[in-house]
Amino acid sequence: MNWLFLALYSLTVVFRLWYFRRRGWRAPLRNGERYFLEVEVPEGWHSSAEGRTWWRRYHASILAPHALEAIAFLAIAVWGRWSQLPLLSFVAPVFVACHTGMVIWWRRASGIDRQRPGRVAVDLSERRLRDYFSWPLEALLLLLAAGSWLALAGWGDEATRWRMPVTFTYTVAGLTVLKAAVARQGWTLPAERTGEYQRVQEVRRRQAAAVFDGMRVMLAAGLAGYGAVHSLGDLVPTGVVRWTALAASVAAWVWMMAIFVRGEQRMDRAGAGLPPAAMAVDWRRGWWSFGTFMAGLAALLFWPW
């Protein structure tokens, strides 16, 4: 399945290059020239020495994980360890950690986190998990995972490597838990124009849930493709199985990218004309769940099998 990972990885690199050129490189200006990462700055700050320093730090925070990824890819290519190619997917959470760390650093340095908020509003609206989960989709994911494991357990060939199906199944389950946590998470909202900020947060919440769905479908498609390639070789021509698995995985990847781009557009429309506001959220519970998930994923990826 190295060819499948290489194809999907190539598509991901092309998309990231397009995205960072269009949006990522100047993402701190998403709310306009008056702001840097949603914090209001004085006029002319961006061209000042302080502003240029923070811009360099921001660019370093998004370049560092990609430089690490490029080094890892070169090492895999030089030593011909193409079976390790899925490890490059680990750059995604590394990128998220770097970006989140940059945002926290900037907000503390700017003093915005130390300012006492004025009047605030608490979102008391009821959020039910069934409003964020599609049960037919959940049934499809469960069917793909169960079918893949049944096929591998009953008819898997000698080339089956269990690290891949175990890691993909674990990741799908972990993303399901994280999606539920995001759906239930709440923010402290500004007292002024509360309804508008509440709508923005709901768009953001549903965007995150949709991206989680896209990632889970892509991983489930990859798991099903792996199970088919390693269990149906005696029943169906291997070429047919491989190309079918590739088509399904690429389709899932395209769907996930479309979800991401459409969600970004919805976020822009929802926040148009609305000044950014520091909406407090209790991340402690989220960090524990995310940290536990990442620790398990790291063990599956790097533990010698």
C-alpha atoms as a PDB file:
ATOM      1  CA  MET A   1       0.000   0.000   0.000  1.00  0.00           C
ATOM      2  CA  ASN A   2       3.017   2.326  -0.208  1.00  0.00           C
ATOM      3  CA  TRP A   3       1.772   3.585  -3.583  1.00  0.00           C
ATOM      4  CA  LEU A   4      -1.532   4.633  -1.993  1.00  0.00           C
ATOM      5  CA  PHE A   5       0.138   6.558   0.816  1.00  0.00           C
ATOM      6  CA  LEU A   6       2.500   8.228  -1.652  1.00  0.00           C
ATOM      7  CA  ALA A   7      -0.406   9.312  -3.893  1.00  0.00           C
ATOM      8  CA  LEU A   8      -2.442  10.724  -1.001  1.00  0.00           C
ATOM      9  CA  TYR A   9       0.625  12.363   0.507  1.00  0.00           C
ATOM     10  CA  SER A  10       1.445  14.057  -2.816  1.00  0.00           C
ATOM     11  CA  LEU A  11      -2.099  15.419  -3.075  1.00  0.00           C
ATOM     12  CA  THR A  12      -1.889  16.704   0.499  1.00  0.00           C
ATOM     13  CA  VAL A  13       1.399  18.512  -0.200  1.00  0.00           C
ATOM     14  CA  VAL A  14      -0.048  20.182  -3.310  1.00  0.00           C
ATOM     15  CA  PHE A  15      -3.110  21.333  -1.354  1.00  0.00           C
ATOM     16  CA  ARG A  16      -1.012  22.689   1.507  1.00  0.00           C
ATOM     17  CA  LEU A  17       1.206  24.655  -0.861  1.00  0.00           C
ATOM     18  CA  TRP A  18      -1.891  26.216  -2.429  1.00  0.00           C
ATOM     19  CA  TYR A  19      -3.531  26.902   0.936  1.00  0.00           C
ATOM     20  CA  PHE A  20      -0.511  28.499   2.583  1.00  0.00           C
ATOM     21  CA  ARG A  21       0.133  30.658  -0.436  1.00  0.00           C
ATOM     22  CA  ARG A  22      -3.497  31.837  -0.497  1.00  0.00           C
ATOM     23  CA  ARG A  23      -4.262  32.082   3.221  1.00  0.00           C
ATOM     24  CA  GLY A  24      -1.823  30.554   5.674  1.00  0.00           C
ATOM     25  CA  TRP A  25       1.137  32.893   5.135  1.00  0.00           C
ATOM     26  CA  ARG A  26      -0.944  35.975   5.972  1.00  0.00           C
ATOM     27  CA  ALA A  27      -3.478  34.317   8.273  1.00  0.00           C
ATOM     28  CA  PRO A  28      -2.798  36.782  11.152  1.00  0.00           C
ATOM     29  CA  LEU A  29      -4.475  39.463   8.975  1.00  0.00           C
ATOM     30  CA  ARG A  30      -7.695  37.484   8.677  1.00  0.00           C
ATOM     31  CA  ASN A  31      -9.554  40.229  10.542  1.00  0.00           C
ATOM     32  CA  GLY A  32      -7.846  43.095   8.740  1.00  0.00           C
ATOM     33  CA  GLU A  33      -4.737  45.264   9.068  1.00  0.00           C
ATOM     34  CA  ARG A  34      -5.812  46.502  12.504  1.00  0.00           C
ATOM     35  CA  TYR A  35      -5.252  43.045  13.990  1.00  0.00           C
ATOM     36  CA  PHE A  36      -2.593  40.380  14.372  1.00  0.00           C
ATOM     37  CA  LEU A  37      -3.957  36.937  15.274  1.00  0.00           C
ATOM     38  CA  GLU A  38      -7.223  38.540  16.440  1.00  0.00           C
ATOM     39  CA  VAL A  39      -5.479  41.022  18.765  1.00  0.00           C
ATOM     40  CA  GLU A  40      -5.816  44.723  17.905  1.00  0.00           C
ATOM     41  CA  VAL A  41      -2.484  46.440  17.222  1.00  0.00           C
ATOM     42  CA  PRO A  42      -1.563  50.146  16.745  1.00  0.00           C
ATOM     43  CA  GLU A  43      -1.457  51.705  13.307  1.00  0.00           C
ATOM     44  CA  GLY A  44       1.847  50.971  11.583  1.00  0.00           C
ATOM     45  CA  TRP A  45       2.626  48.089  13.956  1.00  0.00           C
ATOM     46  CA  HIS A  46       3.062  45.535  11.161  1.00  0.00           C
ATOM     47  CA  SER A  47       5.961  47.480   9.636  1.00  0.00           C
ATOM     48  CA  SER A  48       7.582  48.291  12.994  1.00  0.00           C
ATOM     49  CA  ALA A  49      10.531  46.360  14.450  1.00  0.00           C
ATOM     50  CA  GLU A  50       8.242  44.626  16.946  1.00  0.00           C
ATOM     51  CA  GLY A  51       5.747  43.760  14.251  1.00  0.00           C
ATOM     52  CA  ARG A  52       8.388  42.317  11.930  1.00  0.00           C
ATOM     53  CA  THR A  53       9.748  40.221  14.809  1.00  0.00           C
ATOM     54  CA  TRP A  54       6.329  38.696  15.498  1.00  0.00           C
ATOM     55  CA  TRP A  55       5.775  38.057  11.807  1.00  0.00           C
ATOM     56  CA  ARG A  56       9.077  36.152  11.660  1.00  0.00           C
ATOM     57  CA  ARG A  57       8.035  34.121  14.700  1.00  0.00           C
ATOM     58  CA  TYR A  58       4.688  33.320  13.134  1.00  0.00           C
ATOM     59  CA  HIS A  59       6.258  32.230   9.850  1.00  0.00           C
ATOM     60  CA  ALA A  60       8.782  30.112  11.751  1.00  0.00           C
ATOM     61  CA  SER A  61       5.935  28.395  13.619  1.00  0.00           C
ATOM     62  CA  ILE A  62       4.364  27.220  10.352  1.00  0.00           C
ATOM     63  CA  LEU A  63       7.634  26.464   8.543  1.00  0.00           C
ATOM     64  CA  ALA A  64       9.270  24.424  11.331  1.00  0.00           C
ATOM     65  CA  PRO A  65       6.922  21.401  11.210  1.00  0.00           C
ATOM     66  CA  HIS A  66       7.049  21.362   7.415  1.00  0.00           C
ATOM     67  CA  ALA A  67      10.845  21.471   7.461  1.00  0.00           C
ATOM     68  CA  LEU A  68      10.786  18.524   9.870  1.00  0.00           C
ATOM     69  CA  GLU A  69       8.427  16.725   7.492  1.00  0.00           C
ATOM     70  CA  ALA A  70      10.714  17.397   4.509  1.00  0.00           C
ATOM     71  CA  ILE A  71      13.727  15.998   6.392  1.00  0.00           C
ATOM     72  CA  ALA A  72      11.752  12.885   7.379  1.00  0.00           C
ATOM     73  CA  PHE A  73      10.594  12.368   3.776  1.00  0.00           C
ATOM     74  CA  LEU A  74      14.164  12.662   2.464  1.00  0.00           C
ATOM     75  CA  ALA A  75      15.323  10.125   5.065  1.00  0.00           C
ATOM     76  CA  ILE A  76      12.587   7.688   3.995  1.00  0.00           C
ATOM     77  CA  ALA A  77      13.503   8.167   0.323  1.00  0.00           C
ATOM     78  CA  VAL A  78      17.266   7.822   0.862  1.00  0.00           C
ATOM     79  CA  TRP A  79      16.978   4.638   2.911  1.00  0.00           C
ATOM     80  CA  GLY A  80      14.061   3.276   0.877  1.00  0.00           C
ATOM     81  CA  ARG A  81      11.869   2.780   3.955  1.00  0.00           C
ATOM     82  CA  TRP A  82       8.629   3.501   2.136  1.00  0.00           C
ATOM     83  CA  SER A  83       6.664   1.454   4.665  1.00  0.00           C
ATOM     84  CA  GLN A  84       7.325   4.323   7.108  1.00  0.00           C
ATOM     85  CA  LEU A  85       5.593   6.870   4.870  1.00  0.00           C
ATOM     86  CA  PRO A  86       2.375   6.950   6.989  1.00  0.00           C
ATOM     87  CA  LEU A  87       4.474   8.386   9.837  1.00  0.00           C
ATOM     88  CA  LEU A  88       4.569  11.676   7.930  1.00  0.00           C
ATOM     89  CA  SER A  89       0.897  12.181   8.809  1.00  0.00           C
ATOM     90  CA  PHE A  90       2.169  12.937  12.325  1.00  0.00           C
ATOM     91  CA  VAL A  91       3.153  16.418  11.044  1.00  0.00           C
ATOM     92  CA  ALA A  92      -0.525  17.489  11.208  1.00  0.00           C
ATOM     93  CA  PRO A  93      -0.812  17.451  15.032  1.00  0.00           C
ATOM     94  CA  VAL A  94       2.740  18.876  15.263  1.00  0.00           C
ATOM     95  CA  PHE A  95       1.620  21.787  13.090  1.00  0.00           C
ATOM     96  CA  VAL A  96      -1.478  22.318  15.251  1.00  0.00           C
ATOM     97  CA  ALA A  97       0.697  22.294  18.392  1.00  0.00           C
ATOM     98  CA  CYS A  98       3.152  24.811  16.904  1.00  0.00           C
ATOM     99  CA  HIS A  99       0.371  27.141  15.767  1.00  0.00           C
ATOM    100  CA  THR A 100      -1.470  26.901  19.092  1.00  0.00           C
ATOM    101  CA  GLY A 101       1.759  27.592  20.972  1.00  0.00           C
ATOM    102  CA  MET A 102       2.368  30.640  18.797  1.00  0.00           C
ATOM    103  CA  VAL A 103      -1.111  31.994  19.492  1.00  0.00           C
ATOM    104  CA  ILE A 104      -0.740  31.472  23.263  1.00  0.00           C
ATOM    105  CA  TRP A 105       2.709  33.124  23.234  1.00  0.00           C
ATOM    106  CA  TRP A 106       1.413  36.139  21.299  1.00  0.00           C
ATOM    107  CA  ARG A 107      -1.676  36.613  23.457  1.00  0.00           C
ATOM    108  CA  ARG A 108       0.336  36.493  26.659  1.00  0.00           C
ATOM    109  CA  ALA A 109       3.033  38.804  25.311  1.00  0.00           C
ATOM    110  CA  SER A 110       0.435  41.305  24.095  1.00  0.00           C
ATOM    111  CA  GLY A 111      -1.243  41.283  27.505  1.00  0.00           C
ATOM    112  CA  ILE A 112      -4.676  40.402  26.129  1.00  0.00           C
ATOM    113  CA  ASP A 113      -4.918  37.318  28.362  1.00  0.00           C
ATOM    114  CA  ARG A 114      -4.161  39.387  31.467  1.00  0.00           C
ATOM    115  CA  GLN A 115      -6.900  41.920  30.814  1.00  0.00           C
ATOM    116  CA  ARG A 116      -9.993  41.544  32.908  1.00  0.00           C
ATOM    117  CA  PRO A 117     -12.987  41.041  30.632  1.00  0.00           C
ATOM    118  CA  GLY A 118     -15.923  43.376  31.010  1.00  0.00           C
ATOM    119  CA  ARG A 119     -19.485  42.194  30.859  1.00  0.00           C
ATOM    120  CA  VAL A 120     -19.685  38.684  29.414  1.00  0.00           C
ATOM    121  CA  ALA A 121     -22.420  36.265  28.452  1.00  0.00           C
ATOM    122  CA  VAL A 122     -22.510  32.524  28.938  1.00  0.00           C
ATOM    123  CA  ASP A 123     -23.830  30.311  26.178  1.00  0.00           C
ATOM    124  CA  LEU A 124     -26.567  28.229  27.823  1.00  0.00           C
ATOM    125  CA  SER A 125     -28.040  26.807  24.634  1.00  0.00           C
ATOM    126  CA  GLU A 126     -28.501  23.049  24.657  1.00  0.00           C
ATOM    127  CA  ARG A 127     -26.206  21.121  22.319  1.00  0.00           C
ATOM    128  CA  ARG A 128     -27.059  17.491  21.668  1.00  0.00           C
ATOM    129  CA  LEU A 129     -24.591  15.072  20.155  1.00  0.00           C
ATOM    130  CA  ARG A 130     -27.167  13.811  17.682  1.00  0.00           C
ATOM    131  CA  ASP A 131     -27.217  17.300  16.143  1.00  0.00           C
ATOM    132  CA  TYR A 132     -23.546  16.908  15.173  1.00  0.00           C
ATOM    133  CA  PHE A 133     -23.433  13.198  14.328  1.00  0.00           C
ATOM    134  CA  SER A 134     -24.901  11.509  11.269  1.00  0.00           C
ATOM    135  CA  TRP A 135     -25.884   8.033  12.375  1.00  0.00           C
ATOM    136  CA  PRO A 136     -25.847   6.612   8.806  1.00  0.00           C
ATOM    137  CA  LEU A 137     -22.249   7.865   8.521  1.00  0.00           C
ATOM    138  CA  GLU A 138     -21.359   6.314  11.879  1.00  0.00           C
ATOM    139  CA  ALA A 139     -22.908   3.015  10.737  1.00  0.00           C
ATOM    140  CA  LEU A 140     -20.879   3.157   7.505  1.00  0.00           C
ATOM    141  CA  LEU A 141     -17.626   3.772   9.399  1.00  0.00           C
ATOM    142  CA  LEU A 142     -18.375   0.911  11.786  1.00  0.00           C
ATOM    143  CA  LEU A 143     -19.217  -1.384   8.869  1.00  0.00           C
ATOM    144  CA  LEU A 144     -15.975  -0.517   7.030  1.00  0.00           C
ATOM    145  CA  ALA A 145     -13.850  -1.064  10.136  1.00  0.00           C
ATOM    146  CA  ALA A 146     -15.550  -4.331  11.129  1.00  0.00           C
ATOM    147  CA  GLY A 147     -15.468  -5.663   7.584  1.00  0.00           C
ATOM    148  CA  SER A 148     -11.783  -4.818   7.183  1.00  0.00           C
ATOM    149  CA  TRP A 149     -10.825  -6.531  10.418  1.00  0.00           C
ATOM    150  CA  LEU A 150     -12.946  -9.580   9.605  1.00  0.00           C
ATOM    151  CA  ALA A 151     -11.338  -9.871   6.160  1.00  0.00           C
ATOM    152  CA  LEU A 152      -7.805  -9.496   7.530  1.00  0.00           C
ATOM    153  CA  ALA A 153      -8.395 -11.899  10.417  1.00  0.00           C
ATOM    154  CA  GLY A 154      -9.956 -14.558   8.215  1.00  0.00           C
ATOM    155  CA  TRP A 155      -8.163 -14.201   4.880  1.00  0.00           C
ATOM    156  CA  GLY A 156      -5.202 -11.872   5.465  1.00  0.00           C
ATOM    157  CA  ASP A 157      -2.052 -12.748   3.507  1.00  0.00           C
ATOM    158  CA  GLU A 158       1.523 -13.033   4.752  1.00  0.00           C
ATOM    159  CA  ALA A 159       2.294  -9.433   3.796  1.00  0.00           C
ATOM    160  CA  THR A 160      -0.239  -8.059   6.309  1.00  0.00           C
ATOM    161  CA  ARG A 161       1.337  -5.627   8.766  1.00  0.00           C
ATOM    162  CA  TRP A 162      -0.955  -5.070  11.728  1.00  0.00           C
ATOM    163  CA  ARG A 163       0.461  -1.691  12.727  1.00  0.00           C
ATOM    164  CA  MET A 164      -1.462   0.023   9.915  1.00  0.00           C
ATOM    165  CA  PRO A 165      -5.007  -1.315  10.607  1.00  0.00           C
ATOM    166  CA  VAL A 166      -4.523  -0.933  14.369  1.00  0.00           C
ATOM    167  CA  THR A 167      -3.324   2.679  13.996  1.00  0.00           C
ATOM    168  CA  PHE A 168      -6.079   3.651  11.564  1.00  0.00           C
ATOM    169  CA  THR A 169      -8.801   2.069  13.715  1.00  0.00           C
ATOM    170  CA  TYR A 170      -7.455   3.774  16.837  1.00  0.00           C
ATOM    171  CA  THR A 171      -7.316   7.138  15.052  1.00  0.00           C
ATOM    172  CA  VAL A 172     -10.890   6.874  13.772  1.00  0.00           C
ATOM    173  CA  ALA A 173     -12.125   6.034  17.289  1.00  0.00           C
ATOM    174  CA  GLY A 174     -10.043   8.821  18.850  1.00  0.00           C
ATOM    175  CA  LEU A 175     -11.303  11.414  16.372  1.00  0.00           C
ATOM    176  CA  THR A 176     -14.863  10.362  17.209  1.00  0.00           C
ATOM    177  CA  VAL A 177     -14.243  11.113  20.890  1.00  0.00           C
ATOM    178  CA  LEU A 178     -12.576  14.449  20.060  1.00  0.00           C
ATOM    179  CA  LYS A 179     -15.490  15.415  17.822  1.00  0.00           C
ATOM    180  CA  ALA A 180     -17.914  14.752  20.681  1.00  0.00           C
ATOM    181  CA  ALA A 181     -15.772  16.909  22.990  1.00  0.00           C
ATOM    182  CA  VAL A 182     -15.768  19.788  20.473  1.00  0.00           C
ATOM    183  CA  ALA A 183     -19.546  19.529  20.081  1.00  0.00           C
ATOM    184  CA  ARG A 184     -20.023  19.894  23.841  1.00  0.00           C
ATOM    185  CA  GLN A 185     -17.401  22.611  24.371  1.00  0.00           C
ATOM    186  CA  GLY A 186     -18.651  26.072  25.299  1.00  0.00           C
ATOM    187  CA  TRP A 187     -17.273  29.614  25.247  1.00  0.00           C
ATOM    188  CA  THR A 188     -17.705  32.732  27.318  1.00  0.00           C
ATOM    189  CA  LEU A 189     -19.044  35.320  24.870  1.00  0.00           C
ATOM    190  CA  PRO A 190     -18.950  39.133  24.817  1.00  0.00           C
ATOM    191  CA  ALA A 191     -22.050  40.775  26.229  1.00  0.00           C
ATOM    192  CA  GLU A 192     -22.335  43.051  23.188  1.00  0.00           C
ATOM    193  CA  ARG A 193     -23.625  41.476  19.963  1.00  0.00           C
ATOM    194  CA  THR A 194     -23.744  38.138  21.768  1.00  0.00           C
ATOM    195  CA  GLY A 195     -26.019  36.507  19.228  1.00  0.00           C
ATOM    196  CA  GLU A 196     -23.620  37.229  16.373  1.00  0.00           C
ATOM    197  CA  TYR A 197     -20.629  35.836  18.256  1.00  0.00           C
ATOM    198  CA  GLN A 198     -22.686  32.824  19.224  1.00  0.00           C
ATOM    199  CA  ARG A 199     -23.456  32.141  15.554  1.00  0.00           C
ATOM    200  CA  VAL A 200     -19.757  32.435  14.683  1.00  0.00           C
ATOM    201  CA  GLN A 201     -18.872  29.905  17.361  1.00  0.00           C
ATOM    202  CA  GLU A 202     -21.552  27.517  16.119  1.00  0.00           C
ATOM    203  CA  VAL A 203     -20.125  27.774  12.580  1.00  0.00           C
ATOM    204  CA  ARG A 204     -16.657  27.090  13.986  1.00  0.00           C
ATOM    205  CA  ARG A 205     -17.950  24.130  15.998  1.00  0.00           C
ATOM    206  CA  ARG A 206     -19.682  22.584  12.994  1.00  0.00           C
ATOM    207  CA  GLN A 207     -16.641  23.247  10.814  1.00  0.00           C
ATOM    208  CA  ALA A 208     -14.454  21.285  13.238  1.00  0.00           C
ATOM    209  CA  ALA A 209     -17.013  18.461  13.367  1.00  0.00           C
ATOM    210  CA  ALA A 210     -17.159  18.302   9.550  1.00  0.00           C
ATOM    211  CA  VAL A 211     -13.358  18.167   9.256  1.00  0.00           C
ATOM    212  CA  PHE A 212     -13.275  15.351  11.815  1.00  0.00           C
ATOM    213  CA  ASP A 213     -15.841  13.508   9.687  1.00  0.00           C
ATOM    214  CA  GLY A 214     -13.731  13.982   6.560  1.00  0.00           C
ATOM    215  CA  MET A 215     -10.625  12.665   8.293  1.00  0.00           C
ATOM    216  CA  ARG A 216     -12.480   9.652   9.653  1.00  0.00           C
ATOM    217  CA  VAL A 217     -13.947   8.765   6.257  1.00  0.00           C
ATOM    218  CA  MET A 218     -10.520   9.059   4.606  1.00  0.00           C
ATOM    219  CA  LEU A 219      -8.915   6.818   7.221  1.00  0.00           C
ATOM    220  CA  ALA A 220     -11.777   4.308   7.043  1.00  0.00           C
ATOM    221  CA  ALA A 221     -11.429   4.200   3.256  1.00  0.00           C
ATOM    222  CA  GLY A 222      -7.700   3.562   3.630  1.00  0.00           C
ATOM    223  CA  LEU A 223      -8.379   0.815   6.166  1.00  0.00           C
ATOM    224  CA  ALA A 224     -10.922  -0.822   3.861  1.00  0.00           C
ATOM    225  CA  GLY A 225      -8.493  -0.608   0.960  1.00  0.00           C
ATOM    226  CA  TYR A 226      -5.737  -2.218   3.011  1.00  0.00           C
ATOM    227  CA  GLY A 227      -8.056  -5.007   4.095  1.00  0.00           C
ATOM    228  CA  ALA A 228      -9.211  -5.609   0.523  1.00  0.00           C
ATOM    229  CA  VAL A 229      -5.702  -5.691  -0.949  1.00  0.00           C
ATOM    230  CA  HIS A 230      -4.447  -8.172   1.645  1.00  0.00           C
ATOM    231  CA  SER A 231      -7.497 -10.464   1.737  1.00  0.00           C
ATOM    232  CA  LEU A 232      -9.034 -10.549  -1.747  1.00  0.00           C
ATOM    233  CA  GLY A 233      -5.911 -11.332  -3.750  1.00  0.00           C
ATOM    234  CA  ASP A 234      -7.083 -14.897  -4.433  1.00  0.00           C
ATOM    235  CA  LEU A 235     -10.610 -13.852  -5.436  1.00  0.00           C
ATOM    236  CA  VAL A 236     -10.191 -10.618  -7.425  1.00  0.00           C
ATOM    237  CA  PRO A 237      -7.274  -9.471  -9.614  1.00  0.00           C
ATOM    238  CA  THR A 238      -4.856  -7.507  -7.440  1.00  0.00           C
ATOM    239  CA  GLY A 239      -4.743  -4.610  -9.904  1.00  0.00           C
ATOM    240  CA  VAL A 240      -8.507  -4.134  -9.726  1.00  0.00           C
ATOM    241  CA  VAL A 241      -8.434  -4.158  -5.934  1.00  0.00           C
ATOM    242  CA  ARG A 242      -5.559  -1.676  -5.762  1.00  0.00           C
ATOM    243  CA  TRP A 243      -7.107   0.791  -8.220  1.00  0.00           C
ATOM    244  CA  THR A 244     -10.484   0.580  -6.507  1.00  0.00           C
ATOM    245  CA  ALA A 245      -8.848   1.260  -3.143  1.00  0.00           C
ATOM    246  CA  LEU A 246      -6.931   4.186  -4.626  1.00  0.00           C
ATOM    247  CA  ALA A 247     -10.082   5.690  -6.165  1.00  0.00           C
ATOM    248  CA  ALA A 248     -12.010   5.373  -2.887  1.00  0.00           C
ATOM    249  CA  SER A 249      -9.191   6.902  -0.834  1.00  0.00           C
ATOM    250  CA  VAL A 250      -8.640   9.801  -3.261  1.00  0.00           C
ATOM    251  CA  ALA A 251     -12.404  10.480  -3.341  1.00  0.00           C
ATOM    252  CA  ALA A 252     -12.461  10.575   0.477  1.00  0.00           C
ATOM    253  CA  TRP A 253      -9.450  12.918   0.485  1.00  0.00           C
ATOM    254  CA  VAL A 254     -11.077  15.280  -2.052  1.00  0.00           C
ATOM    255  CA  TRP A 255     -14.248  15.289   0.028  1.00  0.00           C
ATOM    256  CA  MET A 256     -12.285  16.155   3.174  1.00  0.00           C
ATOM    257  CA  MET A 257     -10.451  19.030   1.457  1.00  0.00           C
ATOM    258  CA  ALA A 258     -13.741  20.348   0.050  1.00  0.00           C
ATOM    259  CA  ILE A 259     -15.222  20.289   3.554  1.00  0.00           C
ATOM    260  CA  PHE A 260     -12.240  22.223   4.887  1.00  0.00           C
ATOM    261  CA  VAL A 261     -12.333  24.915   2.169  1.00  0.00           C
ATOM    262  CA  ARG A 262     -16.109  25.313   2.380  1.00  0.00           C
ATOM    263  CA  GLY A 263     -15.877  25.622   6.175  1.00  0.00           C
ATOM    264  CA  GLU A 264     -13.238  28.342   5.878  1.00  0.00           C
ATOM    265  CA  GLN A 265     -15.528  30.267   3.538  1.00  0.00           C
ATOM    266  CA  ARG A 266     -18.427  29.930   5.953  1.00  0.00           C
ATOM    267  CA  MET A 267     -16.229  31.178   8.789  1.00  0.00           C
ATOM    268  CA  ASP A 268     -15.291  34.242   6.729  1.00  0.00           C
ATOM    269  CA  ARG A 269     -18.937  35.003   5.967  1.00  0.00           C
ATOM    270  CA  ALA A 270     -20.056  34.469   9.565  1.00  0.00           C
ATOM    271  CA  GLY A 271     -17.377  36.782  10.964  1.00  0.00           C
ATOM    272  CA  ALA A 272     -17.587  39.480   8.275  1.00  0.00           C
ATOM    273  CA  GLY A 273     -17.819  42.904   9.924  1.00  0.00           C
ATOM    274  CA  LEU A 274     -17.587  41.426  13.412  1.00  0.00           C
ATOM    275  CA  PRO A 275     -14.550  42.534  15.454  1.00  0.00           C
ATOM    276  CA  PRO A 276     -12.565  39.633  16.926  1.00  0.00           C
ATOM    277  CA  ALA A 277     -13.229  39.028  20.583  1.00  0.00           C
ATOM    278  CA  ALA A 278     -11.391  37.048  23.230  1.00  0.00           C
ATOM    279  CA  MET A 279     -13.889  34.284  23.872  1.00  0.00           C
ATOM    280  CA  ALA A 280     -12.669  32.350  26.879  1.00  0.00           C
ATOM    281  CA  VAL A 281     -12.823  28.575  26.795  1.00  0.00           C
ATOM    282  CA  ASP A 282     -11.743  25.993  29.350  1.00  0.00           C
ATOM    283  CA  TRP A 283      -9.082  24.067  27.418  1.00  0.00           C
ATOM    284  CA  ARG A 284      -7.918  21.948  30.361  1.00  0.00           C
ATOM    285  CA  ARG A 285     -10.322  19.113  29.712  1.00  0.00           C
ATOM    286  CA  GLY A 286      -9.651  19.320  25.981  1.00  0.00           C
ATOM    287  CA  TRP A 287      -5.879  19.246  26.457  1.00  0.00           C
ATOM    288  CA  TRP A 288      -6.113  16.106  28.597  1.00  0.00           C
ATOM    289  CA  SER A 289      -8.195  14.259  26.014  1.00  0.00           C
ATOM    290  CA  PHE A 290      -6.106  15.498  23.082  1.00  0.00           C
ATOM    291  CA  GLY A 291      -2.855  14.725  24.910  1.00  0.00           C
ATOM    292  CA  THR A 292      -3.979  11.204  25.777  1.00  0.00           C
ATOM    293  CA  PHE A 293      -5.028  10.598  22.173  1.00  0.00           C
ATOM    294  CA  MET A 294      -1.700  11.885  20.831  1.00  0.00           C
ATOM    295  CA  ALA A 295       0.298   9.788  23.326  1.00  0.00           C
ATOM    296  CA  GLY A 296      -1.506   6.649  22.159  1.00  0.00           C
ATOM    297  CA  LEU A 297      -0.997   7.579  18.512  1.00  0.00           C
ATOM    298  CA  ALA A 298       2.715   8.191  19.069  1.00  0.00           C
ATOM    299  CA  ALA A 299       3.058   4.802  20.730  1.00  0.00           C
ATOM    300  CA  LEU A 300       1.365   3.078  17.795  1.00  0.00           C
ATOM    301  CA  LEU A 301       3.467   4.928  15.231  1.00  0.00           C
ATOM    302  CA  PHE A 302       6.896   4.617  16.820  1.00  0.00           C
ATOM    303  CA  TRP A 303       6.773   1.553  19.054  1.00  0.00           C
ATOM    304  CA  PRO A 304       8.893  -1.237  17.513  1.00  0.00           C
ATOM    305  CA  TRP A 305       6.576  -4.043  16.396  1.00  0.00           C
END
